[in-house]
Amino acid sequence: MSGILEIKRKGAEHPPAQRDISAIYKAVQAYHIRHDPPQDTPGYWEWAIPDIQAVSNQYNNSPLIKDLLAAALSDLEREYKRLLAEQGGT
């Protein structure tokens, strides 16, 4: 029984950090808006990839931010492929 009390005391001393889900969604939305529509230029992905890493790092690479950014990146890649197809590229 003392083990459970010890766990409860430690938990009270160090409560888990609260994550600001609203801020995470806003950060991902801002990233998505900054990079949409994708551009067919050499510097586009050189800009988009370090930016996605910076946004993720701001939220300690939490699983939620990583999953949401992956979805945004997937959408940008899909739009990029559509853009290339419209231009007759591959």
PDB file of N, CA and C in Angstrom:
ATOM      1  N   MET A   1       0.816  -1.194   0.000  1.00  0.00           N
ATOM      2  CA  MET A   1       0.000   0.000   0.000  1.00  0.00           C
ATOM      3  C   MET A   1       0.858   1.257   0.000  1.00  0.00           C
ATOM      4  N   SER A   2       1.994   1.196   0.666  1.00  0.00           N
ATOM      5  CA  SER A   2       2.846   2.384   0.702  1.00  0.00           C
ATOM      6  C   SER A   2       3.376   2.727  -0.684  1.00  0.00           C
ATOM      7  N   GLY A   3       3.512   1.723  -1.552  1.00  0.00           N
ATOM      8  CA  GLY A   3       3.968   1.978  -2.915  1.00  0.00           C
ATOM      9  C   GLY A   3       2.995   2.862  -3.684  1.00  0.00           C
ATOM     10  N   ILE A   4       1.713   2.631  -3.503  1.00  0.00           N
ATOM     11  CA  ILE A   4       0.696   3.436  -4.184  1.00  0.00           C
ATOM     12  C   ILE A   4       0.719   4.864  -3.667  1.00  0.00           C
ATOM     13  N   LEU A   5       0.847   5.014  -2.341  1.00  0.00           N
ATOM     14  CA  LEU A   5       0.908   6.361  -1.770  1.00  0.00           C
ATOM     15  C   LEU A   5       2.134   7.108  -2.269  1.00  0.00           C
ATOM     16  N   GLU A   6       3.242   6.396  -2.404  1.00  0.00           N
ATOM     17  CA  GLU A   6       4.469   7.025  -2.906  1.00  0.00           C
ATOM     18  C   GLU A   6       4.280   7.505  -4.344  1.00  0.00           C
ATOM     19  N   ILE A   7       3.636   6.700  -5.161  1.00  0.00           N
ATOM     20  CA  ILE A   7       3.376   7.088  -6.554  1.00  0.00           C
ATOM     21  C   ILE A   7       2.469   8.314  -6.587  1.00  0.00           C
ATOM     22  N   LYS A   8       1.433   8.323  -5.748  1.00  0.00           N
ATOM     23  CA  LYS A   8       0.519   9.467  -5.712  1.00  0.00           C
ATOM     24  C   LYS A   8       1.237  10.731  -5.267  1.00  0.00           C
ATOM     25  N   ARG A   9       2.096  10.615  -4.259  1.00  0.00           N
ATOM     26  CA  ARG A   9       2.840  11.785  -3.789  1.00  0.00           C
ATOM     27  C   ARG A   9       3.763  12.318  -4.877  1.00  0.00           C
ATOM     28  N   LYS A  10       4.469  11.422  -5.546  1.00  0.00           N
ATOM     29  CA  LYS A  10       5.382  11.857  -6.611  1.00  0.00           C
ATOM     30  C   LYS A  10       4.594  12.518  -7.736  1.00  0.00           C
ATOM     31  N   GLY A  11       3.425  11.961  -8.030  1.00  0.00           N
ATOM     32  CA  GLY A  11       2.593  12.553  -9.063  1.00  0.00           C
ATOM     33  C   GLY A  11       2.128  13.946  -8.698  1.00  0.00           C
ATOM     34  N   ALA A  12       1.824  14.150  -7.425  1.00  0.00           N
ATOM     35  CA  ALA A  12       1.389  15.472  -6.967  1.00  0.00           C
ATOM     36  C   ALA A  12       2.540  16.469  -6.988  1.00  0.00           C
ATOM     37  N   GLU A  13       3.751  15.982  -6.732  1.00  0.00           N
ATOM     38  CA  GLU A  13       4.917  16.864  -6.746  1.00  0.00           C
ATOM     39  C   GLU A  13       5.279  17.300  -8.161  1.00  0.00           C
ATOM     40  N   HIS A  14       5.092  16.413  -9.113  1.00  0.00           N
ATOM     41  CA  HIS A  14       5.477  16.683 -10.498  1.00  0.00           C
ATOM     42  C   HIS A  14       4.302  16.379 -11.427  1.00  0.00           C
ATOM     43  N   PRO A  15       3.302  17.254 -11.449  1.00  0.00           N
ATOM     44  CA  PRO A  15       2.159  16.982 -12.327  1.00  0.00           C
ATOM     45  C   PRO A  15       2.607  16.993 -13.788  1.00  0.00           C
ATOM     46  N   PRO A  16       1.960  16.199 -14.630  1.00  0.00           N
ATOM     47  CA  PRO A  16       2.350  16.182 -16.040  1.00  0.00           C
ATOM     48  C   PRO A  16       2.144  17.555 -16.671  1.00  0.00           C
ATOM     49  N   ALA A  17       3.026  17.896 -17.571  1.00  0.00           N
ATOM     50  CA  ALA A  17       2.919  19.187 -18.258  1.00  0.00           C
ATOM     51  C   ALA A  17       1.645  19.208 -19.097  1.00  0.00           C
ATOM     52  N   GLN A  18       0.931  20.301 -19.011  1.00  0.00           N
ATOM     53  CA  GLN A  18      -0.275  20.452 -19.812  1.00  0.00           C
ATOM     54  C   GLN A  18       0.122  20.871 -21.218  1.00  0.00           C
ATOM     55  N   ARG A  19      -0.445  20.251 -22.190  1.00  0.00           N
ATOM     56  CA  ARG A  19      -0.150  20.656 -23.558  1.00  0.00           C
ATOM     57  C   ARG A  19      -1.282  21.543 -24.048  1.00  0.00           C
ATOM     58  N   ASP A  20      -0.902  22.522 -24.777  1.00  0.00           N
ATOM     59  CA  ASP A  20      -1.865  23.483 -25.301  1.00  0.00           C
ATOM     60  C   ASP A  20      -2.288  23.007 -26.684  1.00  0.00           C
ATOM     61  N   ILE A  21      -3.338  22.203 -26.713  1.00  0.00           N
ATOM     62  CA  ILE A  21      -3.784  21.604 -27.967  1.00  0.00           C
ATOM     63  C   ILE A  21      -4.180  22.674 -28.972  1.00  0.00           C
ATOM     64  N   SER A  22      -4.809  23.732 -28.503  1.00  0.00           N
ATOM     65  CA  SER A  22      -5.203  24.817 -29.395  1.00  0.00           C
ATOM     66  C   SER A  22      -3.979  25.432 -30.070  1.00  0.00           C
ATOM     67  N   ALA A  23      -2.922  25.654 -29.312  1.00  0.00           N
ATOM     68  CA  ALA A  23      -1.697  26.232 -29.881  1.00  0.00           C
ATOM     69  C   ALA A  23      -1.056  25.283 -30.881  1.00  0.00           C
ATOM     70  N   ILE A  24      -1.122  23.992 -30.612  1.00  0.00           N
ATOM     71  CA  ILE A  24      -0.551  23.004 -31.537  1.00  0.00           C
ATOM     72  C   ILE A  24      -1.292  23.053 -32.868  1.00  0.00           C
ATOM     73  N   TYR A  25      -2.615  23.039 -32.819  1.00  0.00           N
ATOM     74  CA  TYR A  25      -3.397  23.095 -34.062  1.00  0.00           C
ATOM     75  C   TYR A  25      -3.144  24.403 -34.814  1.00  0.00           C
ATOM     76  N   LYS A  26      -3.055  25.500 -34.085  1.00  0.00           N
ATOM     77  CA  LYS A  26      -2.791  26.792 -34.733  1.00  0.00           C
ATOM     78  C   LYS A  26      -1.417  26.809 -35.388  1.00  0.00           C
ATOM     79  N   ALA A  27      -0.426  26.212 -34.747  1.00  0.00           N
ATOM     80  CA  ALA A  27       0.922  26.171 -35.318  1.00  0.00           C
ATOM     81  C   ALA A  27       0.946  25.345 -36.601  1.00  0.00           C
ATOM     82  N   VAL A  28       0.234  24.231 -36.592  1.00  0.00           N
ATOM     83  CA  VAL A  28       0.177  23.389 -37.792  1.00  0.00           C
ATOM     84  C   VAL A  28      -0.588  24.106 -38.900  1.00  0.00           C
ATOM     85  N   GLN A  29      -1.681  24.763 -38.544  1.00  0.00           N
ATOM     86  CA  GLN A  29      -2.442  25.514 -39.543  1.00  0.00           C
ATOM     87  C   GLN A  29      -1.587  26.622 -40.141  1.00  0.00           C
ATOM     88  N   ALA A  30      -0.848  27.333 -39.311  1.00  0.00           N
ATOM     89  CA  ALA A  30       0.013  28.409 -39.807  1.00  0.00           C
ATOM     90  C   ALA A  30       1.081  27.855 -40.744  1.00  0.00           C
ATOM     91  N   TYR A  31       1.655  26.710 -40.391  1.00  0.00           N
ATOM     92  CA  TYR A  31       2.644  26.066 -41.270  1.00  0.00           C
ATOM     93  C   TYR A  31       2.005  25.727 -42.618  1.00  0.00           C
ATOM     94  N   HIS A  32       0.841  25.097 -42.560  1.00  0.00           N
ATOM     95  CA  HIS A  32       0.158  24.669 -43.785  1.00  0.00           C
ATOM     96  C   HIS A  32      -0.156  25.868 -44.682  1.00  0.00           C
ATOM     97  N   ILE A  33      -0.649  26.932 -44.091  1.00  0.00           N
ATOM     98  CA  ILE A  33      -0.975  28.137 -44.855  1.00  0.00           C
ATOM     99  C   ILE A  33       0.281  28.761 -45.454  1.00  0.00           C
ATOM    100  N   ARG A  34       1.380  28.784 -44.686  1.00  0.00           N
ATOM    101  CA  ARG A  34       2.637  29.361 -45.188  1.00  0.00           C
ATOM    102  C   ARG A  34       3.143  28.647 -46.431  1.00  0.00           C
ATOM    103  N   HIS A  35       2.896  27.363 -46.523  1.00  0.00           N
ATOM    104  CA  HIS A  35       3.488  26.562 -47.597  1.00  0.00           C
ATOM    105  C   HIS A  35       2.485  26.142 -48.670  1.00  0.00           C
ATOM    106  N   ASP A  36       1.258  26.618 -48.562  1.00  0.00           N
ATOM    107  CA  ASP A  36       0.231  26.263 -49.538  1.00  0.00           C
ATOM    108  C   ASP A  36      -0.112  27.469 -50.391  1.00  0.00           C
ATOM    109  N   PRO A  37      -0.122  27.364 -51.677  1.00  0.00           N
ATOM    110  CA  PRO A  37       0.112  26.161 -52.465  1.00  0.00           C
ATOM    111  C   PRO A  37       1.604  25.880 -52.619  1.00  0.00           C
ATOM    112  N   PRO A  38       1.943  24.613 -52.828  1.00  0.00           N
ATOM    113  CA  PRO A  38       3.349  24.278 -53.044  1.00  0.00           C
ATOM    114  C   PRO A  38       3.858  24.904 -54.336  1.00  0.00           C
ATOM    115  N   GLN A  39       5.139  25.159 -54.365  1.00  0.00           N
ATOM    116  CA  GLN A  39       5.756  25.800 -55.532  1.00  0.00           C
ATOM    117  C   GLN A  39       6.702  24.827 -56.224  1.00  0.00           C
ATOM    118  N   ASP A  40       6.766  24.936 -57.528  1.00  0.00           N
ATOM    119  CA  ASP A  40       7.699  24.118 -58.304  1.00  0.00           C
ATOM    120  C   ASP A  40       8.989  24.907 -58.489  1.00  0.00           C
ATOM    121  N   THR A  41       9.671  25.143 -57.375  1.00  0.00           N
ATOM    122  CA  THR A  41      10.940  25.869 -57.405  1.00  0.00           C
ATOM    123  C   THR A  41      11.960  25.086 -56.590  1.00  0.00           C
ATOM    124  N   PRO A  42      13.241  25.257 -56.896  1.00  0.00           N
ATOM    125  CA  PRO A  42      14.266  24.515 -56.154  1.00  0.00           C
ATOM    126  C   PRO A  42      14.255  24.820 -54.654  1.00  0.00           C
ATOM    127  N   GLY A  43      13.929  26.026 -54.283  1.00  0.00           N
ATOM    128  CA  GLY A  43      13.993  26.402 -52.881  1.00  0.00           C
ATOM    129  C   GLY A  43      12.772  26.055 -52.053  1.00  0.00           C
ATOM    130  N   TYR A  44      11.689  25.629 -52.694  1.00  0.00           N
ATOM    131  CA  TYR A  44      10.452  25.392 -51.951  1.00  0.00           C
ATOM    132  C   TYR A  44      10.637  24.348 -50.848  1.00  0.00           C
ATOM    133  N   TRP A  45      11.098  23.156 -51.213  1.00  0.00           N
ATOM    134  CA  TRP A  45      11.254  22.097 -50.218  1.00  0.00           C
ATOM    135  C   TRP A  45      12.406  22.404 -49.269  1.00  0.00           C
ATOM    136  N   GLU A  46      13.410  23.144 -49.744  1.00  0.00           N
ATOM    137  CA  GLU A  46      14.510  23.557 -48.865  1.00  0.00           C
ATOM    138  C   GLU A  46      14.001  24.515 -47.781  1.00  0.00           C
ATOM    139  N   TRP A  47      12.887  25.170 -48.041  1.00  0.00           N
ATOM    140  CA  TRP A  47      12.250  26.064 -47.079  1.00  0.00           C
ATOM    141  C   TRP A  47      11.242  25.290 -46.222  1.00  0.00           C
ATOM    142  N   ALA A  48      10.457  24.426 -46.849  1.00  0.00           N
ATOM    143  CA  ALA A  48       9.368  23.739 -46.153  1.00  0.00           C
ATOM    144  C   ALA A  48       9.864  22.729 -45.115  1.00  0.00           C
ATOM    145  N   ILE A  49      10.916  21.995 -45.433  1.00  0.00           N
ATOM    146  CA  ILE A  49      11.377  20.938 -44.526  1.00  0.00           C
ATOM    147  C   ILE A  49      12.002  21.500 -43.242  1.00  0.00           C
ATOM    148  N   PRO A  50      12.951  22.447 -43.322  1.00  0.00           N
ATOM    149  CA  PRO A  50      13.468  23.000 -42.060  1.00  0.00           C
ATOM    150  C   PRO A  50      12.378  23.705 -41.242  1.00  0.00           C
ATOM    151  N   ASP A  51      11.407  24.290 -41.923  1.00  0.00           N
ATOM    152  CA  ASP A  51      10.319  24.962 -41.217  1.00  0.00           C
ATOM    153  C   ASP A  51       9.470  23.952 -40.445  1.00  0.00           C
ATOM    154  N   ILE A  52       9.191  22.798 -41.053  1.00  0.00           N
ATOM    155  CA  ILE A  52       8.390  21.784 -40.361  1.00  0.00           C
ATOM    156  C   ILE A  52       9.143  21.266 -39.135  1.00  0.00           C
ATOM    157  N   GLN A  53      10.462  21.150 -39.264  1.00  0.00           N
ATOM    158  CA  GLN A  53      11.273  20.708 -38.122  1.00  0.00           C
ATOM    159  C   GLN A  53      11.233  21.747 -37.002  1.00  0.00           C
ATOM    160  N   ALA A  54      11.296  23.012 -37.363  1.00  0.00           N
ATOM    161  CA  ALA A  54      11.267  24.082 -36.357  1.00  0.00           C
ATOM    162  C   ALA A  54       9.929  24.110 -35.620  1.00  0.00           C
ATOM    163  N   VAL A  55       8.835  23.950 -36.358  1.00  0.00           N
ATOM    164  CA  VAL A  55       7.507  23.951 -35.726  1.00  0.00           C
ATOM    165  C   VAL A  55       7.387  22.760 -34.773  1.00  0.00           C
ATOM    166  N   SER A  56       7.830  21.603 -35.215  1.00  0.00           N
ATOM    167  CA  SER A  56       7.772  20.417 -34.364  1.00  0.00           C
ATOM    168  C   SER A  56       8.617  20.596 -33.107  1.00  0.00           C
ATOM    169  N   ASN A  57       9.790  21.164 -33.261  1.00  0.00           N
ATOM    170  CA  ASN A  57      10.678  21.388 -32.116  1.00  0.00           C
ATOM    171  C   ASN A  57      10.062  22.336 -31.090  1.00  0.00           C
ATOM    172  N   GLN A  58       9.265  23.306 -31.558  1.00  0.00           N
ATOM    173  CA  GLN A  58       8.623  24.250 -30.633  1.00  0.00           C
ATOM    174  C   GLN A  58       7.710  23.533 -29.644  1.00  0.00           C
ATOM    175  N   TYR A  59       7.213  22.376 -30.030  1.00  0.00           N
ATOM    176  CA  TYR A  59       6.298  21.608 -29.184  1.00  0.00           C
ATOM    177  C   TYR A  59       6.936  20.283 -28.765  1.00  0.00           C
ATOM    178  N   ASN A  60       8.259  20.314 -28.625  1.00  0.00           N
ATOM    179  CA  ASN A  60       9.029  19.164 -28.132  1.00  0.00           C
ATOM    180  C   ASN A  60       8.772  17.885 -28.922  1.00  0.00           C
ATOM    181  N   ASN A  61       8.499  18.038 -30.204  1.00  0.00           N
ATOM    182  CA  ASN A  61       8.272  16.889 -31.090  1.00  0.00           C
ATOM    183  C   ASN A  61       7.232  15.922 -30.516  1.00  0.00           C
ATOM    184  N   SER A  62       6.181  16.495 -29.957  1.00  0.00           N
ATOM    185  CA  SER A  62       5.138  15.651 -29.363  1.00  0.00           C
ATOM    186  C   SER A  62       4.494  14.799 -30.454  1.00  0.00           C
ATOM    187  N   PRO A  63       3.990  13.631 -30.093  1.00  0.00           N
ATOM    188  CA  PRO A  63       3.335  12.789 -31.093  1.00  0.00           C
ATOM    189  C   PRO A  63       2.196  13.507 -31.815  1.00  0.00           C
ATOM    190  N   LEU A  64       1.444  14.340 -31.104  1.00  0.00           N
ATOM    191  CA  LEU A  64       0.333  15.052 -31.737  1.00  0.00           C
ATOM    192  C   LEU A  64       0.838  16.003 -32.808  1.00  0.00           C
ATOM    193  N   ILE A  65       1.840  16.823 -32.495  1.00  0.00           N
ATOM    194  CA  ILE A  65       2.331  17.783 -33.493  1.00  0.00           C
ATOM    195  C   ILE A  65       2.936  17.045 -34.677  1.00  0.00           C
ATOM    196  N   LYS A  66       3.642  15.954 -34.414  1.00  0.00           N
ATOM    197  CA  LYS A  66       4.259  15.202 -35.511  1.00  0.00           C
ATOM    198  C   LYS A  66       3.202  14.608 -36.433  1.00  0.00           C
ATOM    199  N   ASP A  67       2.133  14.065 -35.855  1.00  0.00           N
ATOM    200  CA  ASP A  67       1.066  13.488 -36.679  1.00  0.00           C
ATOM    201  C   ASP A  67       0.348  14.558 -37.496  1.00  0.00           C
ATOM    202  N   LEU A  68       0.055  15.691 -36.870  1.00  0.00           N
ATOM    203  CA  LEU A  68      -0.640  16.759 -37.591  1.00  0.00           C
ATOM    204  C   LEU A  68       0.240  17.350 -38.692  1.00  0.00           C
ATOM    205  N   LEU A  69       1.520  17.544 -38.406  1.00  0.00           N
ATOM    206  CA  LEU A  69       2.433  18.062 -39.432  1.00  0.00           C
ATOM    207  C   LEU A  69       2.612  17.053 -40.560  1.00  0.00           C
ATOM    208  N   ALA A  70       2.615  15.772 -40.239  1.00  0.00           N
ATOM    209  CA  ALA A  70       2.711  14.741 -41.281  1.00  0.00           C
ATOM    210  C   ALA A  70       1.500  14.813 -42.209  1.00  0.00           C
ATOM    211  N   ALA A  71       0.328  15.055 -41.640  1.00  0.00           N
ATOM    212  CA  ALA A  71      -0.881  15.189 -42.462  1.00  0.00           C
ATOM    213  C   ALA A  71      -0.793  16.427 -43.351  1.00  0.00           C
ATOM    214  N   ALA A  72      -0.306  17.531 -42.805  1.00  0.00           N
ATOM    215  CA  ALA A  72      -0.157  18.757 -43.603  1.00  0.00           C
ATOM    216  C   ALA A  72       0.857  18.541 -44.719  1.00  0.00           C
ATOM    217  N   LEU A  73       1.972  17.894 -44.397  1.00  0.00           N
ATOM    218  CA  LEU A  73       3.001  17.634 -45.405  1.00  0.00           C
ATOM    219  C   LEU A  73       2.479  16.701 -46.488  1.00  0.00           C
ATOM    220  N   SER A  74       1.703  15.712 -46.103  1.00  0.00           N
ATOM    221  CA  SER A  74       1.101  14.797 -47.070  1.00  0.00           C
ATOM    222  C   SER A  74       0.187  15.554 -48.030  1.00  0.00           C
ATOM    223  N   ASP A  75      -0.579  16.489 -47.503  1.00  0.00           N
ATOM    224  CA  ASP A  75      -1.451  17.300 -48.350  1.00  0.00           C
ATOM    225  C   ASP A  75      -0.633  18.162 -49.308  1.00  0.00           C
ATOM    226  N   LEU A  76       0.449  18.756 -48.817  1.00  0.00           N
ATOM    227  CA  LEU A  76       1.305  19.578 -49.679  1.00  0.00           C
ATOM    228  C   LEU A  76       1.948  18.734 -50.777  1.00  0.00           C
ATOM    229  N   GLU A  77       2.380  17.530 -50.437  1.00  0.00           N
ATOM    230  CA  GLU A  77       2.972  16.636 -51.441  1.00  0.00           C
ATOM    231  C   GLU A  77       1.950  16.242 -52.497  1.00  0.00           C
ATOM    232  N   ARG A  78       0.728  15.969 -52.061  1.00  0.00           N
ATOM    233  CA  ARG A  78      -0.344  15.616 -52.995  1.00  0.00           C
ATOM    234  C   ARG A  78      -0.609  16.777 -53.955  1.00  0.00           C
ATOM    235  N   GLU A  79      -0.675  17.985 -53.420  1.00  0.00           N
ATOM    236  CA  GLU A  79      -0.898  19.161 -54.262  1.00  0.00           C
ATOM    237  C   GLU A  79       0.295  19.415 -55.188  1.00  0.00           C
ATOM    238  N   TYR A  80       1.492  19.158 -54.701  1.00  0.00           N
ATOM    239  CA  TYR A  80       2.699  19.328 -55.518  1.00  0.00           C
ATOM    240  C   TYR A  80       2.666  18.364 -56.706  1.00  0.00           C
ATOM    241  N   LYS A  81       2.296  17.118 -56.466  1.00  0.00           N
ATOM    242  CA  LYS A  81       2.199  16.130 -57.552  1.00  0.00           C
ATOM    243  C   LYS A  81       1.130  16.536 -58.556  1.00  0.00           C
ATOM    244  N   ARG A  82       0.018  17.067 -58.062  1.00  0.00           N
ATOM    245  CA  ARG A  82      -1.045  17.532 -58.962  1.00  0.00           C
ATOM    246  C   ARG A  82      -0.541  18.690 -59.812  1.00  0.00           C
ATOM    247  N   LEU A  83       0.193  19.604 -59.195  1.00  0.00           N
ATOM    248  CA  LEU A  83       0.767  20.738 -59.907  1.00  0.00           C
ATOM    249  C   LEU A  83       1.707  20.268 -61.012  1.00  0.00           C
ATOM    250  N   LEU A  84       2.562  19.307 -60.693  1.00  0.00           N
ATOM    251  CA  LEU A  84       3.487  18.773 -61.699  1.00  0.00           C
ATOM    252  C   LEU A  84       2.734  18.094 -62.837  1.00  0.00           C
ATOM    253  N   ALA A  85       1.687  17.353 -62.511  1.00  0.00           N
ATOM    254  CA  ALA A  85       0.901  16.674 -63.540  1.00  0.00           C
ATOM    255  C   ALA A  85       0.235  17.683 -64.468  1.00  0.00           C
ATOM    256  N   GLU A  86      -0.255  18.779 -63.904  1.00  0.00           N
ATOM    257  CA  GLU A  86      -0.877  19.818 -64.726  1.00  0.00           C
ATOM    258  C   GLU A  86       0.136  20.476 -65.650  1.00  0.00           C
ATOM    259  N   GLN A  87       1.395  20.547 -65.195  1.00  0.00           N
ATOM    260  CA  GLN A  87       2.449  21.155 -66.004  1.00  0.00           C
ATOM    261  C   GLN A  87       3.068  20.162 -66.980  1.00  0.00           C
ATOM    262  N   GLY A  88       2.595  18.923 -66.932  1.00  0.00           N
ATOM    263  CA  GLY A  88       3.133  17.909 -67.826  1.00  0.00           C
ATOM    264  C   GLY A  88       4.376  17.232 -67.291  1.00  0.00           C
ATOM    265  N   GLY A  89       4.669  17.433 -66.005  1.00  0.00           N
ATOM    266  CA  GLY A  89       5.824  16.795 -65.374  1.00  0.00           C
ATOM    267  C   GLY A  89       5.468  15.427 -64.855  1.00  0.00           C
ATOM    268  N   THR A  90       6.372  14.879 -64.068  1.00  0.00           N
ATOM    269  CA  THR A  90       6.119  13.546 -63.514  1.00  0.00           C
ATOM    270  C   THR A  90       5.836  13.608 -62.041  1.00  0.00           C
TER     271      THR A  90
END
